Amino acid sequence: MGAAPRHPYPKHVWSPAGGWWNTNPKNGSRNTAIISGVCVIISAGIFMLSAVKERREVAPKHWIPSSLWANVPPVEEP
């Protein structure tokens, strides 16, 4: 009943995921919080850079959400 027994494995192999059957990673919650924070910071930077570089050559035919944060002047019709 249940899974097969664990087979012998090398103890000296390093793995970024924690190796074989690592059920209780050391500082797992802290590492997850750090990586989540880094992802949020990188995403915010990309978002801000995109908003600064956004340009429109033609006026949009309908409302688009990026017009709320982008500093694009409205295109005047002749």
Foldseek 3Di string as FASTA:
>chain_A
DDDDDDDDDDPPDDDPVRDPPPPDDDCPVVVVVVVVVVVVVVVVVVVVVCLAPDEDPDADPDDDVSVVRHPYDGDDDD
